[in-house]
Amino acid sequence: MNAAKAVRAVMYWDGAGWAWMAFMPLVWIVLLGLVVWAVIHLVRGPSGAGSGGGSREAERRESPREILDRRFASGEIDAEAYSEAKKRLAEH
C-alpha cells in the first residue's frame, strides 16, 4: 500500500466517512427531541395536569348520576326533571 492510499484510508475510513456524516445529524436531532420531551414531561408533571397542579381525583370523569345530582343542586333542572332522569338512569 502506498502512502497516499494509507492516508486516504485513515482519513476517510476507506470511503465509509460519508455514512457517519449523514448519520450524526440524525443522532443530534433525536437527542434534542429527547431533551425537549423530558423538559415538557417534567414541567407538566406525571398527571399531565399542566402548571395548574390538579390532582388525579379532580381529573376523574363524573358519572351520569353525579352529573345529574350536580345539575339539580345548581338549579339547572327542576325536581320533576331530576326524578324522571333518575328513573331513566336506574333503568339502564
C-alpha atoms as a PDB file:
ATOM      1  CA  MET A   1       0.000   0.000   0.000  1.00  0.00           C
ATOM      2  CA  ASN A   2       1.475   3.320  -0.951  1.00  0.00           C
ATOM      3  CA  ALA A   3       1.470   6.408   1.288  1.00  0.00           C
ATOM      4  CA  ALA A   4      -1.423   8.141  -0.493  1.00  0.00           C
ATOM      5  CA  LYS A   5      -3.700   5.140  -0.054  1.00  0.00           C
ATOM      6  CA  ALA A   6      -2.703   4.824   3.608  1.00  0.00           C
ATOM      7  CA  VAL A   7      -3.520   8.484   4.266  1.00  0.00           C
ATOM      8  CA  ARG A   8      -6.837   8.135   2.463  1.00  0.00           C
ATOM      9  CA  ALA A   9      -7.701   5.002   4.433  1.00  0.00           C
ATOM     10  CA  VAL A  10      -7.002   6.758   7.747  1.00  0.00           C
ATOM     11  CA  MET A  11      -8.783   9.998   6.851  1.00  0.00           C
ATOM     12  CA  TYR A  12     -11.887   8.572   5.211  1.00  0.00           C
ATOM     13  CA  TRP A  13     -12.134   5.077   6.684  1.00  0.00           C
ATOM     14  CA  ASP A  14     -11.882   3.664   3.216  1.00  0.00           C
ATOM     15  CA  GLY A  15     -14.864   5.641   1.952  1.00  0.00           C
ATOM     16  CA  ALA A  16     -17.311   4.990   4.816  1.00  0.00           C
ATOM     17  CA  GLY A  17     -16.954   8.525   6.213  1.00  0.00           C
ATOM     18  CA  TRP A  18     -19.977   9.798   4.306  1.00  0.00           C
ATOM     19  CA  ALA A  19     -22.207   7.381   6.202  1.00  0.00           C
ATOM     20  CA  TRP A  20     -21.169   8.844   9.555  1.00  0.00           C
ATOM     21  CA  MET A  21     -21.581  12.376   8.220  1.00  0.00           C
ATOM     22  CA  ALA A  22     -25.161  11.528   7.216  1.00  0.00           C
ATOM     23  CA  PHE A  23     -25.892   9.659  10.466  1.00  0.00           C
ATOM     24  CA  MET A  24     -24.582  12.184  13.011  1.00  0.00           C
ATOM     25  CA  PRO A  25     -27.194  14.911  12.307  1.00  0.00           C
ATOM     26  CA  LEU A  26     -29.898  12.300  12.896  1.00  0.00           C
ATOM     27  CA  VAL A  27     -28.317  11.414  16.227  1.00  0.00           C
ATOM     28  CA  TRP A  28     -28.317  15.079  17.269  1.00  0.00           C
ATOM     29  CA  ILE A  29     -31.948  15.555  16.178  1.00  0.00           C
ATOM     30  CA  VAL A  30     -33.045  12.515  18.195  1.00  0.00           C
ATOM     31  CA  LEU A  31     -31.015  13.683  21.204  1.00  0.00           C
ATOM     32  CA  LEU A  32     -32.510  17.174  21.010  1.00  0.00           C
ATOM     33  CA  GLY A  33     -36.006  15.678  20.706  1.00  0.00           C
ATOM     34  CA  LEU A  34     -35.449  13.579  23.829  1.00  0.00           C
ATOM     35  CA  VAL A  35     -34.290  16.633  25.775  1.00  0.00           C
ATOM     36  CA  VAL A  36     -37.355  18.631  24.692  1.00  0.00           C
ATOM     37  CA  TRP A  37     -39.659  15.714  25.578  1.00  0.00           C
ATOM     38  CA  ALA A  38     -38.020  15.364  29.008  1.00  0.00           C
ATOM     39  CA  VAL A  39     -38.383  19.074  29.772  1.00  0.00           C
ATOM     40  CA  ILE A  40     -42.042  19.086  28.743  1.00  0.00           C
ATOM     41  CA  HIS A  41     -42.685  15.922  30.774  1.00  0.00           C
ATOM     42  CA  LEU A  42     -41.042  17.434  33.855  1.00  0.00           C
ATOM     43  CA  VAL A  43     -42.917  20.738  33.531  1.00  0.00           C
ATOM     44  CA  ARG A  44     -46.323  19.095  33.072  1.00  0.00           C
ATOM     45  CA  GLY A  45     -45.782  16.560  35.798  1.00  0.00           C
ATOM     46  CA  PRO A  46     -46.773  12.903  35.787  1.00  0.00           C
ATOM     47  CA  SER A  47     -50.515  13.584  35.847  1.00  0.00           C
ATOM     48  CA  GLY A  48     -50.402  15.786  32.745  1.00  0.00           C
ATOM     49  CA  ALA A  49     -52.219  18.497  34.664  1.00  0.00           C
ATOM     50  CA  GLY A  50     -50.072  21.338  33.358  1.00  0.00           C
ATOM     51  CA  SER A  51     -48.869  24.067  35.663  1.00  0.00           C
ATOM     52  CA  GLY A  52     -52.223  24.111  37.466  1.00  0.00           C
ATOM     53  CA  GLY A  53     -51.188  21.169  39.616  1.00  0.00           C
ATOM     54  CA  GLY A  54     -54.576  19.448  39.701  1.00  0.00           C
ATOM     55  CA  SER A  55     -54.909  16.091  41.353  1.00  0.00           C
ATOM     56  CA  ARG A  56     -55.975  12.855  39.717  1.00  0.00           C
ATOM     57  CA  GLU A  57     -59.188  12.944  41.745  1.00  0.00           C
ATOM     58  CA  ALA A  58     -60.124  16.296  40.193  1.00  0.00           C
ATOM     59  CA  GLU A  59     -59.444  14.914  36.696  1.00  0.00           C
ATOM     60  CA  ARG A  60     -61.740  11.920  37.237  1.00  0.00           C
ATOM     61  CA  ARG A  61     -64.773  11.952  34.971  1.00  0.00           C
ATOM     62  CA  GLU A  62     -68.149  12.344  36.582  1.00  0.00           C
ATOM     63  CA  SER A  63     -70.631   9.514  36.353  1.00  0.00           C
ATOM     64  CA  PRO A  64     -74.032  10.246  34.796  1.00  0.00           C
ATOM     65  CA  ARG A  65     -75.613  10.154  38.264  1.00  0.00           C
ATOM     66  CA  GLU A  66     -73.084  12.667  39.607  1.00  0.00           C
ATOM     67  CA  ILE A  67     -73.759  14.976  36.661  1.00  0.00           C
ATOM     68  CA  LEU A  68     -77.489  14.728  37.295  1.00  0.00           C
ATOM     69  CA  ASP A  69     -77.053  15.431  41.010  1.00  0.00           C
ATOM     70  CA  ARG A  70     -74.793  18.405  40.287  1.00  0.00           C
ATOM     71  CA  ARG A  71     -77.237  19.887  37.763  1.00  0.00           C
ATOM     72  CA  PHE A  72     -80.131  19.505  40.216  1.00  0.00           C
ATOM     73  CA  ALA A  73     -78.110  21.023  43.053  1.00  0.00           C
ATOM     74  CA  SER A  74     -77.117  24.021  40.917  1.00  0.00           C
ATOM     75  CA  GLY A  75     -80.719  24.636  39.834  1.00  0.00           C
ATOM     76  CA  GLU A  76     -80.262  23.784  36.157  1.00  0.00           C
ATOM     77  CA  ILE A  77     -83.137  21.299  36.302  1.00  0.00           C
ATOM     78  CA  ASP A  78     -86.230  21.152  38.480  1.00  0.00           C
ATOM     79  CA  ALA A  79     -87.357  18.326  40.788  1.00  0.00           C
ATOM     80  CA  GLU A  80     -89.637  16.786  38.158  1.00  0.00           C
ATOM     81  CA  ALA A  81     -86.896  16.575  35.511  1.00  0.00           C
ATOM     82  CA  TYR A  82     -84.489  15.277  38.157  1.00  0.00           C
ATOM     83  CA  SER A  83     -86.742  12.417  39.255  1.00  0.00           C
ATOM     84  CA  GLU A  84     -87.559  11.489  35.631  1.00  0.00           C
ATOM     85  CA  ALA A  85     -83.883  11.423  34.668  1.00  0.00           C
ATOM     86  CA  LYS A  86     -83.031   9.454  37.813  1.00  0.00           C
ATOM     87  CA  LYS A  87     -85.619   6.819  36.877  1.00  0.00           C
ATOM     88  CA  ARG A  88     -84.208   6.538  33.370  1.00  0.00           C
ATOM     89  CA  LEU A  89     -80.688   6.156  34.687  1.00  0.00           C
ATOM     90  CA  ALA A  90     -81.839   3.422  37.078  1.00  0.00           C
ATOM     91  CA  GLU A  91     -83.368   1.518  34.135  1.00  0.00           C
ATOM     92  CA  HIS A  92     -80.039   1.406  32.310  1.00  0.00           C
END
